[in-house]
């Protein structure tokens, strides 16, 4: 699996999670929902964003290595 494939899968999972959370949060608006968001949704959101940023950096590094080594 390529880095771009991995990034696409993470991006799709992130989008699906956030879409589902937004649907649920339209009707689930109590203290438990806020606690769930704070303990679960927000940390996952941050982790997925960090993973996508790391994959971007890895893709850029690999691009430079391939360019420097003449493998295009």
PDB file of N, CA and C in Angstrom:
ATOM      1  N   UNK A   1       0.850  -1.171   0.000  1.00  0.00           N
ATOM      2  CA  UNK A   1       0.000   0.000   0.000  1.00  0.00           C
ATOM      3  C   UNK A   1       0.901   1.240   0.000  1.00  0.00           C
ATOM      4  N   UNK A   2       0.585   2.189  -0.841  1.00  0.00           N
ATOM      5  CA  UNK A   2       1.379   3.411  -0.932  1.00  0.00           C
ATOM      6  C   UNK A   2       0.973   4.400   0.165  1.00  0.00           C
ATOM      7  N   UNK A   3       1.818   5.396   0.360  1.00  0.00           N
ATOM      8  CA  UNK A   3       1.494   6.435   1.328  1.00  0.00           C
ATOM      9  C   UNK A   3       0.234   7.183   0.927  1.00  0.00           C
ATOM     10  N   UNK A   4       0.079   7.431  -0.373  1.00  0.00           N
ATOM     11  CA  UNK A   4      -1.118   8.153  -0.809  1.00  0.00           C
ATOM     12  C   UNK A   4      -2.378   7.320  -0.577  1.00  0.00           C
ATOM     13  N   UNK A   5      -2.265   5.993  -0.736  1.00  0.00           N
ATOM     14  CA  UNK A   5      -3.404   5.117  -0.429  1.00  0.00           C
ATOM     15  C   UNK A   5      -3.740   5.169   1.061  1.00  0.00           C
ATOM     16  N   UNK A   6      -2.700   5.115   1.883  1.00  0.00           N
ATOM     17  CA  UNK A   6      -2.909   5.183   3.336  1.00  0.00           C
ATOM     18  C   UNK A   6      -3.537   6.508   3.728  1.00  0.00           C
ATOM     19  N   UNK A   7      -3.034   7.583   3.152  1.00  0.00           N
ATOM     20  CA  UNK A   7      -3.581   8.898   3.466  1.00  0.00           C
ATOM     21  C   UNK A   7      -5.042   8.995   3.035  1.00  0.00           C
ATOM     22  N   UNK A   8      -5.359   8.457   1.876  1.00  0.00           N
ATOM     23  CA  UNK A   8      -6.742   8.489   1.395  1.00  0.00           C
ATOM     24  C   UNK A   8      -7.659   7.698   2.331  1.00  0.00           C
ATOM     25  N   UNK A   9      -7.186   6.555   2.808  1.00  0.00           N
ATOM     26  CA  UNK A   9      -7.999   5.756   3.726  1.00  0.00           C
ATOM     27  C   UNK A   9      -8.200   6.468   5.053  1.00  0.00           C
ATOM     28  N   UNK A  10      -7.142   7.076   5.581  1.00  0.00           N
ATOM     29  CA  UNK A  10      -7.258   7.821   6.836  1.00  0.00           C
ATOM     30  C   UNK A  10      -8.181   9.014   6.648  1.00  0.00           C
ATOM     31  N   UNK A  11      -8.035   9.706   5.534  1.00  0.00           N
ATOM     32  CA  UNK A  11      -8.874  10.869   5.253  1.00  0.00           C
ATOM     33  C   UNK A  11     -10.352  10.462   5.160  1.00  0.00           C
ATOM     34  N   UNK A  12     -10.628   9.353   4.493  1.00  0.00           N
ATOM     35  CA  UNK A  12     -12.010   8.875   4.373  1.00  0.00           C
ATOM     36  C   UNK A  12     -12.574   8.469   5.732  1.00  0.00           C
ATOM     37  N   UNK A  13     -11.763   7.787   6.536  1.00  0.00           N
ATOM     38  CA  UNK A  13     -12.218   7.383   7.868  1.00  0.00           C
ATOM     39  C   UNK A  13     -12.477   8.612   8.737  1.00  0.00           C
ATOM     40  N   UNK A  14     -11.610   9.602   8.636  1.00  0.00           N
ATOM     41  CA  UNK A  14     -11.778  10.841   9.392  1.00  0.00           C
ATOM     42  C   UNK A  14     -13.064  11.545   8.968  1.00  0.00           C
ATOM     43  N   UNK A  15     -13.280  11.660   7.678  1.00  0.00           N
ATOM     44  CA  UNK A  15     -14.496  12.303   7.156  1.00  0.00           C
ATOM     45  C   UNK A  15     -15.745  11.553   7.630  1.00  0.00           C
ATOM     46  N   UNK A  16     -15.707  10.212   7.549  1.00  0.00           N
ATOM     47  CA  UNK A  16     -16.860   9.405   7.990  1.00  0.00           C
ATOM     48  C   UNK A  16     -17.137   9.595   9.484  1.00  0.00           C
ATOM     49  N   UNK A  17     -16.075   9.581  10.279  1.00  0.00           N
ATOM     50  CA  UNK A  17     -16.238   9.778  11.717  1.00  0.00           C
ATOM     51  C   UNK A  17     -16.855  11.131  12.017  1.00  0.00           C
ATOM     52  N   UNK A  18     -16.308  12.170  11.414  1.00  0.00           N
ATOM     53  CA  UNK A  18     -16.807  13.516  11.708  1.00  0.00           C
ATOM     54  C   UNK A  18     -18.236  13.704  11.199  1.00  0.00           C
ATOM     55  N   UNK A  19     -18.564  13.142  10.042  1.00  0.00           N
ATOM     56  CA  UNK A  19     -19.950  13.213   9.554  1.00  0.00           C
ATOM     57  C   UNK A  19     -20.902  12.511  10.508  1.00  0.00           C
ATOM     58  N   UNK A  20     -20.507  11.326  10.978  1.00  0.00           N
ATOM     59  CA  UNK A  20     -21.352  10.590  11.921  1.00  0.00           C
ATOM     60  C   UNK A  20     -21.488  11.359  13.233  1.00  0.00           C
ATOM     61  N   UNK A  21     -20.377  11.913  13.712  1.00  0.00           N
ATOM     62  CA  UNK A  21     -20.439  12.667  14.963  1.00  0.00           C
ATOM     63  C   UNK A  21     -21.353  13.885  14.824  1.00  0.00           C
ATOM     64  N   UNK A  22     -21.268  14.587  13.704  1.00  0.00           N
ATOM     65  CA  UNK A  22     -22.123  15.768  13.524  1.00  0.00           C
ATOM     66  C   UNK A  22     -23.598  15.385  13.497  1.00  0.00           C
ATOM     67  N   UNK A  23     -23.916  14.247  12.895  1.00  0.00           N
ATOM     68  CA  UNK A  23     -25.315  13.789  12.899  1.00  0.00           C
ATOM     69  C   UNK A  23     -25.774  13.467  14.318  1.00  0.00           C
ATOM     70  N   UNK A  24     -24.942  12.750  15.047  1.00  0.00           N
ATOM     71  CA  UNK A  24     -25.292  12.364  16.412  1.00  0.00           C
ATOM     72  C   UNK A  24     -25.381  13.595  17.314  1.00  0.00           C
ATOM     73  N   UNK A  25     -24.438  14.517  17.145  1.00  0.00           N
ATOM     74  CA  UNK A  25     -24.408  15.672  18.043  1.00  0.00           C
ATOM     75  C   UNK A  25     -25.566  16.641  17.796  1.00  0.00           C
ATOM     76  N   UNK A  26     -26.255  16.479  16.670  1.00  0.00           N
ATOM     77  CA  UNK A  26     -27.458  17.290  16.447  1.00  0.00           C
ATOM     78  C   UNK A  26     -28.570  16.933  17.423  1.00  0.00           C
ATOM     79  N   UNK A  27     -28.579  15.684  17.887  1.00  0.00           N
ATOM     80  CA  UNK A  27     -29.651  15.244  18.784  1.00  0.00           C
ATOM     81  C   UNK A  27     -29.154  14.869  20.186  1.00  0.00           C
ATOM     82  N   UNK A  28     -27.860  14.624  20.318  1.00  0.00           N
ATOM     83  CA  UNK A  28     -27.285  14.231  21.611  1.00  0.00           C
ATOM     84  C   UNK A  28     -26.529  15.436  22.157  1.00  0.00           C
ATOM     85  N   UNK A  29     -27.175  16.165  23.064  1.00  0.00           N
ATOM     86  CA  UNK A  29     -26.622  17.451  23.509  1.00  0.00           C
ATOM     87  C   UNK A  29     -26.547  17.579  25.033  1.00  0.00           C
ATOM     88  N   UNK A  30     -26.259  16.507  25.711  1.00  0.00           N
ATOM     89  CA  UNK A  30     -26.191  16.605  27.167  1.00  0.00           C
ATOM     90  C   UNK A  30     -24.740  16.569  27.645  1.00  0.00           C
ATOM     91  N   UNK A  31     -24.567  16.535  28.958  1.00  0.00           N
ATOM     92  CA  UNK A  31     -23.212  16.513  29.519  1.00  0.00           C
ATOM     93  C   UNK A  31     -22.434  15.272  29.100  1.00  0.00           C
ATOM     94  N   UNK A  32     -23.119  14.154  28.971  1.00  0.00           N
ATOM     95  CA  UNK A  32     -22.460  12.923  28.548  1.00  0.00           C
ATOM     96  C   UNK A  32     -21.938  13.053  27.121  1.00  0.00           C
ATOM     97  N   UNK A  33     -22.704  13.697  26.259  1.00  0.00           N
ATOM     98  CA  UNK A  33     -22.271  13.919  24.876  1.00  0.00           C
ATOM     99  C   UNK A  33     -21.024  14.808  24.853  1.00  0.00           C
ATOM    100  N   UNK A  34     -21.036  15.850  25.652  1.00  0.00           N
ATOM    101  CA  UNK A  34     -19.869  16.744  25.702  1.00  0.00           C
ATOM    102  C   UNK A  34     -18.639  16.006  26.236  1.00  0.00           C
ATOM    103  N   UNK A  35     -18.841  15.186  27.237  1.00  0.00           N
ATOM    104  CA  UNK A  35     -17.726  14.413  27.789  1.00  0.00           C
ATOM    105  C   UNK A  35     -17.202  13.412  26.753  1.00  0.00           C
ATOM    106  N   UNK A  36     -18.116  12.769  26.032  1.00  0.00           N
ATOM    107  CA  UNK A  36     -17.712  11.830  24.985  1.00  0.00           C
ATOM    108  C   UNK A  36     -16.911  12.554  23.901  1.00  0.00           C
ATOM    109  N   UNK A  37     -17.387  13.716  23.508  1.00  0.00           N
ATOM    110  CA  UNK A  37     -16.675  14.516  22.500  1.00  0.00           C
ATOM    111  C   UNK A  37     -15.267  14.852  22.998  1.00  0.00           C
ATOM    112  N   UNK A  38     -15.183  15.310  24.245  1.00  0.00           N
ATOM    113  CA  UNK A  38     -13.897  15.726  24.800  1.00  0.00           C
ATOM    114  C   UNK A  38     -12.929  14.560  24.988  1.00  0.00           C
ATOM    115  N   UNK A  39     -13.446  13.404  25.443  1.00  0.00           N
ATOM    116  CA  UNK A  39     -12.592  12.251  25.728  1.00  0.00           C
ATOM    117  C   UNK A  39     -12.317  11.385  24.521  1.00  0.00           C
ATOM    118  N   UNK A  40     -13.217  11.380  23.540  1.00  0.00           N
ATOM    119  CA  UNK A  40     -13.090  10.436  22.427  1.00  0.00           C
ATOM    120  C   UNK A  40     -12.949  11.103  21.057  1.00  0.00           C
ATOM    121  N   UNK A  41     -13.920  11.906  20.691  1.00  0.00           N
ATOM    122  CA  UNK A  41     -13.947  12.462  19.340  1.00  0.00           C
ATOM    123  C   UNK A  41     -12.780  13.418  19.104  1.00  0.00           C
ATOM    124  N   UNK A  42     -12.572  14.370  19.994  1.00  0.00           N
ATOM    125  CA  UNK A  42     -11.513  15.358  19.780  1.00  0.00           C
ATOM    126  C   UNK A  42     -10.113  14.734  19.766  1.00  0.00           C
ATOM    127  N   UNK A  43      -9.785  13.807  20.677  1.00  0.00           N
ATOM    128  CA  UNK A  43      -8.463  13.172  20.579  1.00  0.00           C
ATOM    129  C   UNK A  43      -8.276  12.370  19.282  1.00  0.00           C
ATOM    130  N   UNK A  44      -9.316  11.690  18.851  1.00  0.00           N
ATOM    131  CA  UNK A  44      -9.230  10.945  17.587  1.00  0.00           C
ATOM    132  C   UNK A  44      -9.046  11.919  16.429  1.00  0.00           C
ATOM    133  N   UNK A  45      -9.796  12.997  16.446  1.00  0.00           N
ATOM    134  CA  UNK A  45      -9.683  14.022  15.401  1.00  0.00           C
ATOM    135  C   UNK A  45      -8.251  14.552  15.331  1.00  0.00           C
ATOM    136  N   UNK A  46      -7.689  14.890  16.477  1.00  0.00           N
ATOM    137  CA  UNK A  46      -6.310  15.405  16.509  1.00  0.00           C
ATOM    138  C   UNK A  46      -5.320  14.358  16.012  1.00  0.00           C
ATOM    139  N   UNK A  47      -5.510  13.114  16.416  1.00  0.00           N
ATOM    140  CA  UNK A  47      -4.599  12.041  15.997  1.00  0.00           C
ATOM    141  C   UNK A  47      -4.664  11.800  14.496  1.00  0.00           C
ATOM    142  N   UNK A  48      -5.865  11.801  13.951  1.00  0.00           N
ATOM    143  CA  UNK A  48      -5.998  11.594  12.510  1.00  0.00           C
ATOM    144  C   UNK A  48      -5.390  12.747  11.723  1.00  0.00           C
ATOM    145  N   UNK A  49      -5.584  13.963  12.193  1.00  0.00           N
ATOM    146  CA  UNK A  49      -4.966  15.118  11.523  1.00  0.00           C
ATOM    147  C   UNK A  49      -3.443  15.029  11.597  1.00  0.00           C
ATOM    148  N   UNK A  50      -2.923  14.624  12.742  1.00  0.00           N
ATOM    149  CA  UNK A  50      -1.478  14.473  12.896  1.00  0.00           C
ATOM    150  C   UNK A  50      -0.947  13.367  11.977  1.00  0.00           C
ATOM    151  N   UNK A  51      -1.689  12.279  11.864  1.00  0.00           N
ATOM    152  CA  UNK A  51      -1.270  11.189  10.975  1.00  0.00           C
ATOM    153  C   UNK A  51      -1.243  11.656   9.520  1.00  0.00           C
ATOM    154  N   UNK A  52      -2.246  12.410   9.113  1.00  0.00           N
ATOM    155  CA  UNK A  52      -2.272  12.918   7.735  1.00  0.00           C
ATOM    156  C   UNK A  52      -1.109  13.881   7.496  1.00  0.00           C
ATOM    157  N   UNK A  53      -0.804  14.723   8.474  1.00  0.00           N
ATOM    158  CA  UNK A  53       0.340  15.632   8.341  1.00  0.00           C
ATOM    159  C   UNK A  53       1.648  14.854   8.250  1.00  0.00           C
ATOM    160  N   UNK A  54       1.778  13.799   9.047  1.00  0.00           N
ATOM    161  CA  UNK A  54       2.986  12.972   9.003  1.00  0.00           C
ATOM    162  C   UNK A  54       3.117  12.287   7.649  1.00  0.00           C
ATOM    163  N   UNK A  55       2.012  11.797   7.109  1.00  0.00           N
ATOM    164  CA  UNK A  55       2.055  11.168   5.786  1.00  0.00           C
ATOM    165  C   UNK A  55       2.434  12.175   4.713  1.00  0.00           C
ATOM    166  N   UNK A  56       1.948  13.400   4.832  1.00  0.00           N
ATOM    167  CA  UNK A  56       2.355  14.453   3.887  1.00  0.00           C
ATOM    168  C   UNK A  56       3.865  14.660   3.946  1.00  0.00           C
ATOM    169  N   UNK A  57       4.391  14.735   5.156  1.00  0.00           N
ATOM    170  CA  UNK A  57       5.829  14.939   5.318  1.00  0.00           C
ATOM    171  C   UNK A  57       6.616  13.755   4.762  1.00  0.00           C
ATOM    172  N   UNK A  58       6.132  12.554   5.002  1.00  0.00           N
ATOM    173  CA  UNK A  58       6.796  11.365   4.477  1.00  0.00           C
ATOM    174  C   UNK A  58       6.761  11.348   2.954  1.00  0.00           C
ATOM    175  N   UNK A  59       5.613  11.721   2.371  1.00  0.00           N
ATOM    176  CA  UNK A  59       5.515  11.782   0.915  1.00  0.00           C
ATOM    177  C   UNK A  59       6.512  12.781   0.345  1.00  0.00           C
ATOM    178  N   UNK A  60       6.636  13.932   0.989  1.00  0.00           N
ATOM    179  CA  UNK A  60       7.573  14.951   0.525  1.00  0.00           C
ATOM    180  C   UNK A  60       9.010  14.447   0.639  1.00  0.00           C
ATOM    181  N   UNK A  61       9.341  13.788   1.722  1.00  0.00           N
ATOM    182  CA  UNK A  61      10.687  13.235   1.892  1.00  0.00           C
ATOM    183  C   UNK A  61      10.977  12.194   0.820  1.00  0.00           C
ATOM    184  N   UNK A  62      10.033  11.303   0.582  1.00  0.00           N
ATOM    185  CA  UNK A  62      10.222  10.286  -0.456  1.00  0.00           C
ATOM    186  C   UNK A  62      10.353  10.916  -1.838  1.00  0.00           C
ATOM    187  N   UNK A  63       9.595  11.969  -2.095  1.00  0.00           N
ATOM    188  CA  UNK A  63       9.689  12.653  -3.384  1.00  0.00           C
ATOM    189  C   UNK A  63      11.088  13.225  -3.567  1.00  0.00           C
ATOM    190  N   UNK A  64      11.612  13.853  -2.512  1.00  0.00           N
ATOM    191  CA  UNK A  64      12.960  14.427  -2.596  1.00  0.00           C
ATOM    192  C   UNK A  64      14.012  13.344  -2.770  1.00  0.00           C
ATOM    193  N   UNK A  65      13.870  12.236  -2.063  1.00  0.00           N
ATOM    194  CA  UNK A  65      14.827  11.125  -2.182  1.00  0.00           C
ATOM    195  C   UNK A  65      14.804  10.569  -3.594  1.00  0.00           C
ATOM    196  N   UNK A  66      13.609  10.352  -4.119  1.00  0.00           N
ATOM    197  CA  UNK A  66      13.502   9.830  -5.493  1.00  0.00           C
ATOM    198  C   UNK A  66      14.104  10.823  -6.485  1.00  0.00           C
ATOM    199  N   UNK A  67      13.845  12.091  -6.286  1.00  0.00           N
ATOM    200  CA  UNK A  67      14.394  13.107  -7.175  1.00  0.00           C
ATOM    201  C   UNK A  67      15.926  13.141  -7.092  1.00  0.00           C
ATOM    202  N   UNK A  68      16.455  13.099  -5.869  1.00  0.00           N
ATOM    203  CA  UNK A  68      17.903  13.131  -5.677  1.00  0.00           C
ATOM    204  C   UNK A  68      18.589  11.873  -6.224  1.00  0.00           C
ATOM    205  N   UNK A  69      17.880  10.754  -6.176  1.00  0.00           N
ATOM    206  CA  UNK A  69      18.472   9.493  -6.642  1.00  0.00           C
ATOM    207  C   UNK A  69      18.195   9.246  -8.135  1.00  0.00           C
ATOM    208  N   UNK A  70      17.427  10.129  -8.747  1.00  0.00           N
ATOM    209  CA  UNK A  70      17.135   9.983 -10.168  1.00  0.00           C
ATOM    210  C   UNK A  70      16.061   8.974 -10.482  1.00  0.00           C
ATOM    211  N   UNK A  71      15.332   8.503  -9.483  1.00  0.00           N
ATOM    212  CA  UNK A  71      14.254   7.523  -9.677  1.00  0.00           C
ATOM    213  C   UNK A  71      12.930   8.269  -9.704  1.00  0.00           C
ATOM    214  N   UNK A  72      12.412   8.447 -10.878  1.00  0.00           N
ATOM    215  CA  UNK A  72      11.164   9.214 -10.995  1.00  0.00           C
ATOM    216  C   UNK A  72      10.063   8.331 -11.324  1.00  0.00           C
TER     217      UNK A  72
END
